[in-house]
Amino acid sequence: MNFILAATVYITTDPFFWASMAFTTMVGIFIGAVIYNGDVKEIRKALIALASYCVLIIITNASRVFPQLDKVTPDLSYMPFAGIVTIVIVTFFYLLGMVIGVRITKHAHRNLKK
């Protein structure tokens, strides 16, 4: 568990990390608003599909990372986990953006009908 926390700290201290997560969220908002147009049922299907894709990518990366842990020095043992943690964080922000985009569009459609 300390590996994951250390990898998260390693990733989030990059100078442009949070700016890139904001950009990822904005892209997700745009895609969610344009493609799903406020359709909450369709976005649920997309979220399940993207989340399952994220799980598959994490499993694939983990199967490549774990055999390499014995080749890494103990003080840098968190670094192989950085890719896995990055995938989780980027996927979270993208999915968050898609949900926000759908909710904004749904709210806008509701206000237009009034």
PDB file of N, CA and C in Angstrom:
ATOM      1  N   MET A   1       0.816  -1.190   0.000  1.00  0.00           N
ATOM      2  CA  MET A   1       0.000   0.000   0.000  1.00  0.00           C
ATOM      3  C   MET A   1       0.862   1.257   0.000  1.00  0.00           C
ATOM      4  N   ASN A   2       2.019   1.189   0.665  1.00  0.00           N
ATOM      5  CA  ASN A   2       2.923   2.337   0.657  1.00  0.00           C
ATOM      6  C   ASN A   2       3.441   2.630  -0.736  1.00  0.00           C
ATOM      7  N   PHE A   3       3.531   1.580  -1.581  1.00  0.00           N
ATOM      8  CA  PHE A   3       3.964   1.782  -2.957  1.00  0.00           C
ATOM      9  C   PHE A   3       2.992   2.691  -3.694  1.00  0.00           C
ATOM     10  N   ILE A   4       1.712   2.439  -3.503  1.00  0.00           N
ATOM     11  CA  ILE A   4       0.689   3.217  -4.204  1.00  0.00           C
ATOM     12  C   ILE A   4       0.688   4.661  -3.713  1.00  0.00           C
ATOM     13  N   LEU A   5       0.797   4.856  -2.407  1.00  0.00           N
ATOM     14  CA  LEU A   5       0.837   6.211  -1.868  1.00  0.00           C
ATOM     15  C   LEU A   5       2.078   6.953  -2.344  1.00  0.00           C
ATOM     16  N   ALA A   6       3.218   6.300  -2.319  1.00  0.00           N
ATOM     17  CA  ALA A   6       4.452   6.934  -2.780  1.00  0.00           C
ATOM     18  C   ALA A   6       4.384   7.233  -4.283  1.00  0.00           C
ATOM     19  N   ALA A   7       3.794   6.336  -5.055  1.00  0.00           N
ATOM     20  CA  ALA A   7       3.645   6.580  -6.493  1.00  0.00           C
ATOM     21  C   ALA A   7       2.697   7.743  -6.746  1.00  0.00           C
ATOM     22  N   THR A   8       1.641   7.846  -5.951  1.00  0.00           N
ATOM     23  CA  THR A   8       0.703   8.963  -6.095  1.00  0.00           C
ATOM     24  C   THR A   8       1.376  10.286  -5.793  1.00  0.00           C
ATOM     25  N   VAL A   9       2.157  10.331  -4.741  1.00  0.00           N
ATOM     26  CA  VAL A   9       2.900  11.556  -4.406  1.00  0.00           C
ATOM     27  C   VAL A   9       3.887  11.888  -5.521  1.00  0.00           C
ATOM     28  N   TYR A  10       4.558  10.878  -6.037  1.00  0.00           N
ATOM     29  CA  TYR A  10       5.517  11.069  -7.122  1.00  0.00           C
ATOM     30  C   TYR A  10       4.843  11.666  -8.362  1.00  0.00           C
ATOM     31  N   ILE A  11       3.669  11.167  -8.690  1.00  0.00           N
ATOM     32  CA  ILE A  11       2.961  11.636  -9.880  1.00  0.00           C
ATOM     33  C   ILE A  11       2.392  13.032  -9.682  1.00  0.00           C
ATOM     34  N   THR A  12       1.751  13.266  -8.547  1.00  0.00           N
ATOM     35  CA  THR A  12       1.052  14.533  -8.342  1.00  0.00           C
ATOM     36  C   THR A  12       1.973  15.707  -8.058  1.00  0.00           C
ATOM     37  N   THR A  13       3.239  15.463  -7.807  1.00  0.00           N
ATOM     38  CA  THR A  13       4.167  16.576  -7.591  1.00  0.00           C
ATOM     39  C   THR A  13       4.773  17.091  -8.889  1.00  0.00           C
ATOM     40  N   ASP A  14       4.437  16.478  -9.994  1.00  0.00           N
ATOM     41  CA  ASP A  14       4.901  16.981 -11.289  1.00  0.00           C
ATOM     42  C   ASP A  14       4.302  18.366 -11.518  1.00  0.00           C
ATOM     43  N   PRO A  15       5.062  19.312 -12.066  1.00  0.00           N
ATOM     44  CA  PRO A  15       4.569  20.684 -12.189  1.00  0.00           C
ATOM     45  C   PRO A  15       3.274  20.831 -12.997  1.00  0.00           C
ATOM     46  N   PHE A  16       3.074  20.038 -14.010  1.00  0.00           N
ATOM     47  CA  PHE A  16       1.906  20.220 -14.864  1.00  0.00           C
ATOM     48  C   PHE A  16       0.832  19.154 -14.648  1.00  0.00           C
ATOM     49  N   PHE A  17       0.937  18.394 -13.583  1.00  0.00           N
ATOM     50  CA  PHE A  17      -0.005  17.303 -13.364  1.00  0.00           C
ATOM     51  C   PHE A  17      -1.434  17.809 -13.194  1.00  0.00           C
ATOM     52  N   TRP A  18      -1.650  18.737 -12.283  1.00  0.00           N
ATOM     53  CA  TRP A  18      -3.019  19.185 -12.002  1.00  0.00           C
ATOM     54  C   TRP A  18      -3.597  19.960 -13.173  1.00  0.00           C
ATOM     55  N   ALA A  19      -2.761  20.676 -13.891  1.00  0.00           N
ATOM     56  CA  ALA A  19      -3.254  21.359 -15.095  1.00  0.00           C
ATOM     57  C   ALA A  19      -3.690  20.350 -16.145  1.00  0.00           C
ATOM     58  N   SER A  20      -2.950  19.274 -16.282  1.00  0.00           N
ATOM     59  CA  SER A  20      -3.344  18.251 -17.255  1.00  0.00           C
ATOM     60  C   SER A  20      -4.595  17.511 -16.805  1.00  0.00           C
ATOM     61  N   MET A  21      -4.807  17.356 -15.499  1.00  0.00           N
ATOM     62  CA  MET A  21      -6.042  16.737 -15.026  1.00  0.00           C
ATOM     63  C   MET A  21      -7.234  17.661 -15.261  1.00  0.00           C
ATOM     64  N   ALA A  22      -7.026  18.963 -15.126  1.00  0.00           N
ATOM     65  CA  ALA A  22      -8.101  19.912 -15.439  1.00  0.00           C
ATOM     66  C   ALA A  22      -8.440  19.844 -16.930  1.00  0.00           C
ATOM     67  N   PHE A  23      -7.427  19.757 -17.770  1.00  0.00           N
ATOM     68  CA  PHE A  23      -7.665  19.633 -19.214  1.00  0.00           C
ATOM     69  C   PHE A  23      -8.386  18.323 -19.529  1.00  0.00           C
ATOM     70  N   THR A  24      -7.983  17.242 -18.897  1.00  0.00           N
ATOM     71  CA  THR A  24      -8.641  15.952 -19.098  1.00  0.00           C
ATOM     72  C   THR A  24     -10.103  16.031 -18.695  1.00  0.00           C
ATOM     73  N   THR A  25     -10.391  16.690 -17.573  1.00  0.00           N
ATOM     74  CA  THR A  25     -11.766  16.844 -17.131  1.00  0.00           C
ATOM     75  C   THR A  25     -12.559  17.692 -18.117  1.00  0.00           C
ATOM     76  N   MET A  26     -11.960  18.751 -18.627  1.00  0.00           N
ATOM     77  CA  MET A  26     -12.651  19.600 -19.600  1.00  0.00           C
ATOM     78  C   MET A  26     -12.948  18.843 -20.890  1.00  0.00           C
ATOM     79  N   VAL A  27     -12.022  18.017 -21.337  1.00  0.00           N
ATOM     80  CA  VAL A  27     -12.283  17.189 -22.525  1.00  0.00           C
ATOM     81  C   VAL A  27     -13.429  16.231 -22.239  1.00  0.00           C
ATOM     82  N   GLY A  28     -13.442  15.638 -21.061  1.00  0.00           N
ATOM     83  CA  GLY A  28     -14.537  14.755 -20.674  1.00  0.00           C
ATOM     84  C   GLY A  28     -15.871  15.482 -20.632  1.00  0.00           C
ATOM     85  N   ILE A  29     -15.871  16.723 -20.143  1.00  0.00           N
ATOM     86  CA  ILE A  29     -17.106  17.520 -20.121  1.00  0.00           C
ATOM     87  C   ILE A  29     -17.594  17.757 -21.543  1.00  0.00           C
ATOM     88  N   PHE A  30     -16.688  18.139 -22.423  1.00  0.00           N
ATOM     89  CA  PHE A  30     -17.057  18.399 -23.812  1.00  0.00           C
ATOM     90  C   PHE A  30     -17.606  17.138 -24.478  1.00  0.00           C
ATOM     91  N   ILE A  31     -16.893  16.028 -24.323  1.00  0.00           N
ATOM     92  CA  ILE A  31     -17.323  14.767 -24.936  1.00  0.00           C
ATOM     93  C   ILE A  31     -18.654  14.314 -24.351  1.00  0.00           C
ATOM     94  N   GLY A  32     -18.788  14.401 -23.040  1.00  0.00           N
ATOM     95  CA  GLY A  32     -20.038  13.999 -22.401  1.00  0.00           C
ATOM     96  C   GLY A  32     -21.215  14.839 -22.857  1.00  0.00           C
ATOM     97  N   ALA A  33     -20.993  16.139 -23.023  1.00  0.00           N
ATOM     98  CA  ALA A  33     -22.079  17.016 -23.451  1.00  0.00           C
ATOM     99  C   ALA A  33     -22.430  16.809 -24.916  1.00  0.00           C
ATOM    100  N   VAL A  34     -21.429  16.654 -25.763  1.00  0.00           N
ATOM    101  CA  VAL A  34     -21.676  16.544 -27.201  1.00  0.00           C
ATOM    102  C   VAL A  34     -22.225  15.171 -27.576  1.00  0.00           C
ATOM    103  N   ILE A  35     -21.607  14.134 -27.096  1.00  0.00           N
ATOM    104  CA  ILE A  35     -21.999  12.786 -27.523  1.00  0.00           C
ATOM    105  C   ILE A  35     -23.280  12.322 -26.840  1.00  0.00           C
ATOM    106  N   TYR A  36     -23.399  12.539 -25.536  1.00  0.00           N
ATOM    107  CA  TYR A  36     -24.515  11.951 -24.801  1.00  0.00           C
ATOM    108  C   TYR A  36     -25.690  12.898 -24.621  1.00  0.00           C
ATOM    109  N   ASN A  37     -25.508  14.186 -24.822  1.00  0.00           N
ATOM    110  CA  ASN A  37     -26.588  15.171 -24.903  1.00  0.00           C
ATOM    111  C   ASN A  37     -27.593  15.047 -23.761  1.00  0.00           C
ATOM    112  N   GLY A  38     -27.119  14.839 -22.560  1.00  0.00           N
ATOM    113  CA  GLY A  38     -27.992  14.786 -21.396  1.00  0.00           C
ATOM    114  C   GLY A  38     -28.675  13.448 -21.161  1.00  0.00           C
ATOM    115  N   ASP A  39     -28.322  12.426 -21.924  1.00  0.00           N
ATOM    116  CA  ASP A  39     -28.950  11.113 -21.774  1.00  0.00           C
ATOM    117  C   ASP A  39     -28.215  10.328 -20.689  1.00  0.00           C
ATOM    118  N   VAL A  40     -28.805  10.310 -19.496  1.00  0.00           N
ATOM    119  CA  VAL A  40     -28.155   9.704 -18.339  1.00  0.00           C
ATOM    120  C   VAL A  40     -28.032   8.189 -18.501  1.00  0.00           C
ATOM    121  N   LYS A  41     -29.022   7.545 -19.112  1.00  0.00           N
ATOM    122  CA  LYS A  41     -28.957   6.090 -19.282  1.00  0.00           C
ATOM    123  C   LYS A  41     -27.795   5.694 -20.188  1.00  0.00           C
ATOM    124  N   GLU A  42     -27.575   6.455 -21.240  1.00  0.00           N
ATOM    125  CA  GLU A  42     -26.476   6.139 -22.154  1.00  0.00           C
ATOM    126  C   GLU A  42     -25.120   6.381 -21.501  1.00  0.00           C
ATOM    127  N   ILE A  43     -25.008   7.431 -20.688  1.00  0.00           N
ATOM    128  CA  ILE A  43     -23.717   7.714 -20.045  1.00  0.00           C
ATOM    129  C   ILE A  43     -23.383   6.625 -19.043  1.00  0.00           C
ATOM    130  N   ARG A  44     -24.386   6.025 -18.415  1.00  0.00           N
ATOM    131  CA  ARG A  44     -24.105   4.925 -17.487  1.00  0.00           C
ATOM    132  C   ARG A  44     -23.442   3.768 -18.225  1.00  0.00           C
ATOM    133  N   LYS A  45     -23.945   3.461 -19.406  1.00  0.00           N
ATOM    134  CA  LYS A  45     -23.337   2.395 -20.208  1.00  0.00           C
ATOM    135  C   LYS A  45     -21.903   2.751 -20.571  1.00  0.00           C
ATOM    136  N   ALA A  46     -21.684   3.997 -20.941  1.00  0.00           N
ATOM    137  CA  ALA A  46     -20.326   4.425 -21.307  1.00  0.00           C
ATOM    138  C   ALA A  46     -19.392   4.381 -20.102  1.00  0.00           C
ATOM    139  N   LEU A  47     -19.885   4.787 -18.944  1.00  0.00           N
ATOM    140  CA  LEU A  47     -19.046   4.758 -17.741  1.00  0.00           C
ATOM    141  C   LEU A  47     -18.659   3.337 -17.375  1.00  0.00           C
ATOM    142  N   ILE A  48     -19.598   2.416 -17.506  1.00  0.00           N
ATOM    143  CA  ILE A  48     -19.283   1.014 -17.226  1.00  0.00           C
ATOM    144  C   ILE A  48     -18.251   0.496 -18.219  1.00  0.00           C
ATOM    145  N   ALA A  49     -18.426   0.842 -19.493  1.00  0.00           N
ATOM    146  CA  ALA A  49     -17.471   0.395 -20.509  1.00  0.00           C
ATOM    147  C   ALA A  49     -16.080   0.970 -20.266  1.00  0.00           C
ATOM    148  N   LEU A  50     -15.990   2.267 -19.961  1.00  0.00           N
ATOM    149  CA  LEU A  50     -14.683   2.881 -19.721  1.00  0.00           C
ATOM    150  C   LEU A  50     -14.048   2.381 -18.429  1.00  0.00           C
ATOM    151  N   ALA A  51     -14.860   2.172 -17.402  1.00  0.00           N
ATOM    152  CA  ALA A  51     -14.316   1.659 -16.145  1.00  0.00           C
ATOM    153  C   ALA A  51     -13.794   0.234 -16.319  1.00  0.00           C
ATOM    154  N   SER A  52     -14.513  -0.581 -17.085  1.00  0.00           N
ATOM    155  CA  SER A  52     -14.016  -1.943 -17.317  1.00  0.00           C
ATOM    156  C   SER A  52     -12.743  -1.925 -18.149  1.00  0.00           C
ATOM    157  N   TYR A  53     -12.658  -1.008 -19.094  1.00  0.00           N
ATOM    158  CA  TYR A  53     -11.426  -0.845 -19.873  1.00  0.00           C
ATOM    159  C   TYR A  53     -10.272  -0.443 -18.953  1.00  0.00           C
ATOM    160  N   CYS A  54     -10.541   0.451 -18.022  1.00  0.00           N
ATOM    161  CA  CYS A  54      -9.516   0.879 -17.065  1.00  0.00           C
ATOM    162  C   CYS A  54      -9.026  -0.300 -16.239  1.00  0.00           C
ATOM    163  N   VAL A  55      -9.949  -1.144 -15.801  1.00  0.00           N
ATOM    164  CA  VAL A  55      -9.567  -2.326 -15.010  1.00  0.00           C
ATOM    165  C   VAL A  55      -8.682  -3.252 -15.836  1.00  0.00           C
ATOM    166  N   LEU A  56      -9.042  -3.471 -17.090  1.00  0.00           N
ATOM    167  CA  LEU A  56      -8.221  -4.337 -17.949  1.00  0.00           C
ATOM    168  C   LEU A  56      -6.819  -3.765 -18.162  1.00  0.00           C
ATOM    169  N   ILE A  57      -6.726  -2.469 -18.373  1.00  0.00           N
ATOM    170  CA  ILE A  57      -5.413  -1.832 -18.544  1.00  0.00           C
ATOM    171  C   ILE A  57      -4.595  -1.939 -17.264  1.00  0.00           C
ATOM    172  N   ILE A  58      -5.235  -1.752 -16.128  1.00  0.00           N
ATOM    173  CA  ILE A  58      -4.526  -1.861 -14.846  1.00  0.00           C
ATOM    174  C   ILE A  58      -4.015  -3.280 -14.637  1.00  0.00           C
ATOM    175  N   ILE A  59      -4.845  -4.271 -14.933  1.00  0.00           N
ATOM    176  CA  ILE A  59      -4.410  -5.664 -14.784  1.00  0.00           C
ATOM    177  C   ILE A  59      -3.240  -5.965 -15.718  1.00  0.00           C
ATOM    178  N   THR A  60      -3.321  -5.473 -16.942  1.00  0.00           N
ATOM    179  CA  THR A  60      -2.231  -5.693 -17.895  1.00  0.00           C
ATOM    180  C   THR A  60      -0.941  -5.044 -17.410  1.00  0.00           C
ATOM    181  N   ASN A  61      -1.025  -3.800 -16.956  1.00  0.00           N
ATOM    182  CA  ASN A  61       0.176  -3.121 -16.449  1.00  0.00           C
ATOM    183  C   ASN A  61       0.702  -3.784 -15.186  1.00  0.00           C
ATOM    184  N   ALA A  62      -0.197  -4.194 -14.307  1.00  0.00           N
ATOM    185  CA  ALA A  62       0.241  -4.844 -13.068  1.00  0.00           C
ATOM    186  C   ALA A  62       0.956  -6.156 -13.358  1.00  0.00           C
ATOM    187  N   SER A  63       0.485  -6.887 -14.358  1.00  0.00           N
ATOM    188  CA  SER A  63       1.152  -8.147 -14.699  1.00  0.00           C
ATOM    189  C   SER A  63       2.551  -7.906 -15.259  1.00  0.00           C
ATOM    190  N   ARG A  64       2.788  -6.720 -15.782  1.00  0.00           N
ATOM    191  CA  ARG A  64       4.136  -6.373 -16.257  1.00  0.00           C
ATOM    192  C   ARG A  64       4.983  -5.768 -15.143  1.00  0.00           C
ATOM    193  N   VAL A  65       4.346  -5.111 -14.172  1.00  0.00           N
ATOM    194  CA  VAL A  65       5.084  -4.422 -13.114  1.00  0.00           C
ATOM    195  C   VAL A  65       5.568  -5.386 -12.037  1.00  0.00           C
ATOM    196  N   PHE A  66       4.707  -6.260 -11.563  1.00  0.00           N
ATOM    197  CA  PHE A  66       5.064  -7.117 -10.430  1.00  0.00           C
ATOM    198  C   PHE A  66       6.314  -7.962 -10.669  1.00  0.00           C
ATOM    199  N   PRO A  67       6.524  -8.546 -11.868  1.00  0.00           N
ATOM    200  CA  PRO A  67       7.763  -9.304 -12.067  1.00  0.00           C
ATOM    201  C   PRO A  67       9.030  -8.431 -12.044  1.00  0.00           C
ATOM    202  N   GLN A  68       8.879  -7.146 -12.262  1.00  0.00           N
ATOM    203  CA  GLN A  68      10.043  -6.255 -12.300  1.00  0.00           C
ATOM    204  C   GLN A  68      10.423  -5.694 -10.927  1.00  0.00           C
ATOM    205  N   LEU A  69       9.619  -5.926  -9.918  1.00  0.00           N
ATOM    206  CA  LEU A  69       9.874  -5.320  -8.611  1.00  0.00           C
ATOM    207  C   LEU A  69      11.171  -5.787  -7.979  1.00  0.00           C
ATOM    208  N   ASP A  70      11.576  -7.018  -8.227  1.00  0.00           N
ATOM    209  CA  ASP A  70      12.818  -7.500  -7.624  1.00  0.00           C
ATOM    210  C   ASP A  70      14.047  -6.898  -8.293  1.00  0.00           C
ATOM    211  N   LYS A  71      13.887  -6.280  -9.456  1.00  0.00           N
ATOM    212  CA  LYS A  71      15.005  -5.658 -10.168  1.00  0.00           C
ATOM    213  C   LYS A  71      15.193  -4.190  -9.812  1.00  0.00           C
ATOM    214  N   VAL A  72      14.282  -3.644  -9.020  1.00  0.00           N
ATOM    215  CA  VAL A  72      14.317  -2.219  -8.672  1.00  0.00           C
ATOM    216  C   VAL A  72      14.898  -2.075  -7.274  1.00  0.00           C
ATOM    217  N   THR A  73      15.672  -1.032  -7.077  1.00  0.00           N
ATOM    218  CA  THR A  73      16.224  -0.781  -5.743  1.00  0.00           C
ATOM    219  C   THR A  73      15.093  -0.427  -4.776  1.00  0.00           C
ATOM    220  N   PRO A  74      15.240  -0.783  -3.506  1.00  0.00           N
ATOM    221  CA  PRO A  74      14.140  -0.570  -2.542  1.00  0.00           C
ATOM    222  C   PRO A  74      13.686   0.878  -2.413  1.00  0.00           C
ATOM    223  N   ASP A  75      14.608   1.837  -2.557  1.00  0.00           N
ATOM    224  CA  ASP A  75      14.198   3.232  -2.397  1.00  0.00           C
ATOM    225  C   ASP A  75      13.405   3.750  -3.602  1.00  0.00           C
ATOM    226  N   LEU A  76      13.465   3.064  -4.742  1.00  0.00           N
ATOM    227  CA  LEU A  76      12.699   3.460  -5.924  1.00  0.00           C
ATOM    228  C   LEU A  76      11.616   2.434  -6.282  1.00  0.00           C
ATOM    229  N   SER A  77      11.234   1.608  -5.333  1.00  0.00           N
ATOM    230  CA  SER A  77      10.288   0.535  -5.632  1.00  0.00           C
ATOM    231  C   SER A  77       8.888   1.042  -5.953  1.00  0.00           C
ATOM    232  N   TYR A  78       8.594   2.283  -5.621  1.00  0.00           N
ATOM    233  CA  TYR A  78       7.279   2.836  -5.943  1.00  0.00           C
ATOM    234  C   TYR A  78       7.156   3.245  -7.408  1.00  0.00           C
ATOM    235  N   MET A  79       8.267   3.469  -8.083  1.00  0.00           N
ATOM    236  CA  MET A  79       8.225   4.001  -9.448  1.00  0.00           C
ATOM    237  C   MET A  79       7.534   3.077 -10.458  1.00  0.00           C
ATOM    238  N   PRO A  80       7.677   1.769 -10.379  1.00  0.00           N
ATOM    239  CA  PRO A  80       6.936   0.938 -11.335  1.00  0.00           C
ATOM    240  C   PRO A  80       5.414   1.064 -11.210  1.00  0.00           C
ATOM    241  N   PHE A  81       4.939   1.461 -10.048  1.00  0.00           N
ATOM    242  CA  PHE A  81       3.499   1.620  -9.845  1.00  0.00           C
ATOM    243  C   PHE A  81       2.971   2.948 -10.382  1.00  0.00           C
ATOM    244  N   ALA A  82       3.858   3.839 -10.780  1.00  0.00           N
ATOM    245  CA  ALA A  82       3.434   5.166 -11.235  1.00  0.00           C
ATOM    246  C   ALA A  82       2.527   5.082 -12.457  1.00  0.00           C
ATOM    247  N   GLY A  83       2.815   4.184 -13.370  1.00  0.00           N
ATOM    248  CA  GLY A  83       1.966   4.038 -14.560  1.00  0.00           C
ATOM    249  C   GLY A  83       0.567   3.580 -14.215  1.00  0.00           C
ATOM    250  N   ILE A  84       0.462   2.641 -13.300  1.00  0.00           N
ATOM    251  CA  ILE A  84      -0.851   2.134 -12.879  1.00  0.00           C
ATOM    252  C   ILE A  84      -1.646   3.234 -12.180  1.00  0.00           C
ATOM    253  N   VAL A  85      -0.996   3.947 -11.291  1.00  0.00           N
ATOM    254  CA  VAL A  85      -1.679   5.028 -10.573  1.00  0.00           C
ATOM    255  C   VAL A  85      -2.089   6.135 -11.534  1.00  0.00           C
ATOM    256  N   THR A  86      -1.251   6.436 -12.506  1.00  0.00           N
ATOM    257  CA  THR A  86      -1.592   7.460 -13.498  1.00  0.00           C
ATOM    258  C   THR A  86      -2.834   7.072 -14.282  1.00  0.00           C
ATOM    259  N   ILE A  87      -2.931   5.823 -14.693  1.00  0.00           N
ATOM    260  CA  ILE A  87      -4.112   5.358 -15.424  1.00  0.00           C
ATOM    261  C   ILE A  87      -5.368   5.524 -14.576  1.00  0.00           C
ATOM    262  N   VAL A  88      -5.286   5.173 -13.316  1.00  0.00           N
ATOM    263  CA  VAL A  88      -6.447   5.301 -12.424  1.00  0.00           C
ATOM    264  C   VAL A  88      -6.852   6.760 -12.278  1.00  0.00           C
ATOM    265  N   ILE A  89      -5.891   7.635 -12.059  1.00  0.00           N
ATOM    266  CA  ILE A  89      -6.205   9.049 -11.839  1.00  0.00           C
ATOM    267  C   ILE A  89      -6.758   9.693 -13.105  1.00  0.00           C
ATOM    268  N   VAL A  90      -6.128   9.451 -14.243  1.00  0.00           N
ATOM    269  CA  VAL A  90      -6.601  10.043 -15.499  1.00  0.00           C
ATOM    270  C   VAL A  90      -7.997   9.530 -15.833  1.00  0.00           C
ATOM    271  N   THR A  91      -8.227   8.237 -15.660  1.00  0.00           N
ATOM    272  CA  THR A  91      -9.558   7.677 -15.933  1.00  0.00           C
ATOM    273  C   THR A  91     -10.598   8.299 -15.026  1.00  0.00           C
ATOM    274  N   PHE A  92     -10.269   8.478 -13.755  1.00  0.00           N
ATOM    275  CA  PHE A  92     -11.213   9.097 -12.825  1.00  0.00           C
ATOM    276  C   PHE A  92     -11.589  10.497 -13.282  1.00  0.00           C
ATOM    277  N   PHE A  93     -10.611  11.320 -13.626  1.00  0.00           N
ATOM    278  CA  PHE A  93     -10.906  12.688 -14.032  1.00  0.00           C
ATOM    279  C   PHE A  93     -11.661  12.749 -15.354  1.00  0.00           C
ATOM    280  N   TYR A  94     -11.369  11.845 -16.268  1.00  0.00           N
ATOM    281  CA  TYR A  94     -12.089  11.817 -17.540  1.00  0.00           C
ATOM    282  C   TYR A  94     -13.549  11.412 -17.320  1.00  0.00           C
ATOM    283  N   LEU A  95     -13.772  10.367 -16.518  1.00  0.00           N
ATOM    284  CA  LEU A  95     -15.137   9.943 -16.226  1.00  0.00           C
ATOM    285  C   LEU A  95     -15.898  11.023 -15.461  1.00  0.00           C
ATOM    286  N   LEU A  96     -15.225  11.694 -14.548  1.00  0.00           N
ATOM    287  CA  LEU A  96     -15.839  12.799 -13.820  1.00  0.00           C
ATOM    288  C   LEU A  96     -16.272  13.887 -14.794  1.00  0.00           C
ATOM    289  N   GLY A  97     -15.405  14.212 -15.746  1.00  0.00           N
ATOM    290  CA  GLY A  97     -15.753  15.218 -16.747  1.00  0.00           C
ATOM    291  C   GLY A  97     -16.944  14.802 -17.591  1.00  0.00           C
ATOM    292  N   MET A  98     -17.005  13.533 -17.968  1.00  0.00           N
ATOM    293  CA  MET A  98     -18.140  13.070 -18.763  1.00  0.00           C
ATOM    294  C   MET A  98     -19.448  13.189 -17.978  1.00  0.00           C
ATOM    295  N   VAL A  99     -19.417  12.821 -16.724  1.00  0.00           N
ATOM    296  CA  VAL A  99     -20.618  12.929 -15.893  1.00  0.00           C
ATOM    297  C   VAL A  99     -21.029  14.394 -15.748  1.00  0.00           C
ATOM    298  N   ILE A 100     -20.071  15.264 -15.503  1.00  0.00           N
ATOM    299  CA  ILE A 100     -20.385  16.692 -15.378  1.00  0.00           C
ATOM    300  C   ILE A 100     -20.979  17.223 -16.674  1.00  0.00           C
ATOM    301  N   GLY A 101     -20.400  16.834 -17.814  1.00  0.00           N
ATOM    302  CA  GLY A 101     -20.921  17.289 -19.100  1.00  0.00           C
ATOM    303  C   GLY A 101     -22.348  16.845 -19.338  1.00  0.00           C
ATOM    304  N   VAL A 102     -22.655  15.606 -19.014  1.00  0.00           N
ATOM    305  CA  VAL A 102     -24.024  15.108 -19.184  1.00  0.00           C
ATOM    306  C   VAL A 102     -24.976  15.825 -18.240  1.00  0.00           C
ATOM    307  N   ARG A 103     -24.558  16.027 -17.001  1.00  0.00           N
ATOM    308  CA  ARG A 103     -25.424  16.716 -16.034  1.00  0.00           C
ATOM    309  C   ARG A 103     -25.672  18.168 -16.441  1.00  0.00           C
ATOM    310  N   ILE A 104     -24.645  18.849 -16.937  1.00  0.00           N
ATOM    311  CA  ILE A 104     -24.819  20.232 -17.392  1.00  0.00           C
ATOM    312  C   ILE A 104     -25.794  20.280 -18.560  1.00  0.00           C
ATOM    313  N   THR A 105     -25.625  19.370 -19.511  1.00  0.00           N
ATOM    314  CA  THR A 105     -26.510  19.343 -20.670  1.00  0.00           C
ATOM    315  C   THR A 105     -27.940  19.016 -20.257  1.00  0.00           C
ATOM    316  N   LYS A 106     -28.104  18.054 -19.360  1.00  0.00           N
ATOM    317  CA  LYS A 106     -29.442  17.705 -18.889  1.00  0.00           C
ATOM    318  C   LYS A 106     -30.090  18.882 -18.182  1.00  0.00           C
ATOM    319  N   HIS A 107     -29.316  19.579 -17.374  1.00  0.00           N
ATOM    320  CA  HIS A 107     -29.825  20.759 -16.672  1.00  0.00           C
ATOM    321  C   HIS A 107     -30.208  21.851 -17.674  1.00  0.00           C
ATOM    322  N   ALA A 108     -29.411  22.054 -18.694  1.00  0.00           N
ATOM    323  CA  ALA A 108     -29.708  23.065 -19.711  1.00  0.00           C
ATOM    324  C   ALA A 108     -30.980  22.713 -20.482  1.00  0.00           C
ATOM    325  N   HIS A 109     -31.148  21.431 -20.826  1.00  0.00           N
ATOM    326  CA  HIS A 109     -32.359  21.009 -21.524  1.00  0.00           C
ATOM    327  C   HIS A 109     -33.598  21.206 -20.647  1.00  0.00           C
ATOM    328  N   ARG A 110     -33.446  20.914 -19.382  1.00  0.00           N
ATOM    329  CA  ARG A 110     -34.570  21.080 -18.448  1.00  0.00           C
ATOM    330  C   ARG A 110     -34.976  22.535 -18.352  1.00  0.00           C
ATOM    331  N   ASN A 111     -33.984  23.441 -18.311  1.00  0.00           N
ATOM    332  CA  ASN A 111     -34.283  24.869 -18.215  1.00  0.00           C
ATOM    333  C   ASN A 111     -34.881  25.403 -19.514  1.00  0.00           C
ATOM    334  N   LEU A 112     -34.520  24.837 -20.664  1.00  0.00           N
ATOM    335  CA  LEU A 112     -35.073  25.280 -21.931  1.00  0.00           C
ATOM    336  C   LEU A 112     -36.543  24.889 -22.076  1.00  0.00           C
ATOM    337  N   LYS A 113     -36.923  23.778 -21.447  1.00  0.00           N
ATOM    338  CA  LYS A 113     -38.311  23.326 -21.544  1.00  0.00           C
ATOM    339  C   LYS A 113     -39.261  24.170 -20.709  1.00  0.00           C
ATOM    340  N   LYS A 114     -38.744  24.884 -19.730  1.00  0.00           N
ATOM    341  CA  LYS A 114     -39.599  25.699 -18.864  1.00  0.00           C
ATOM    342  C   LYS A 114     -40.081  26.938 -19.537  1.00  0.00           C
TER     343      LYS A 114
END
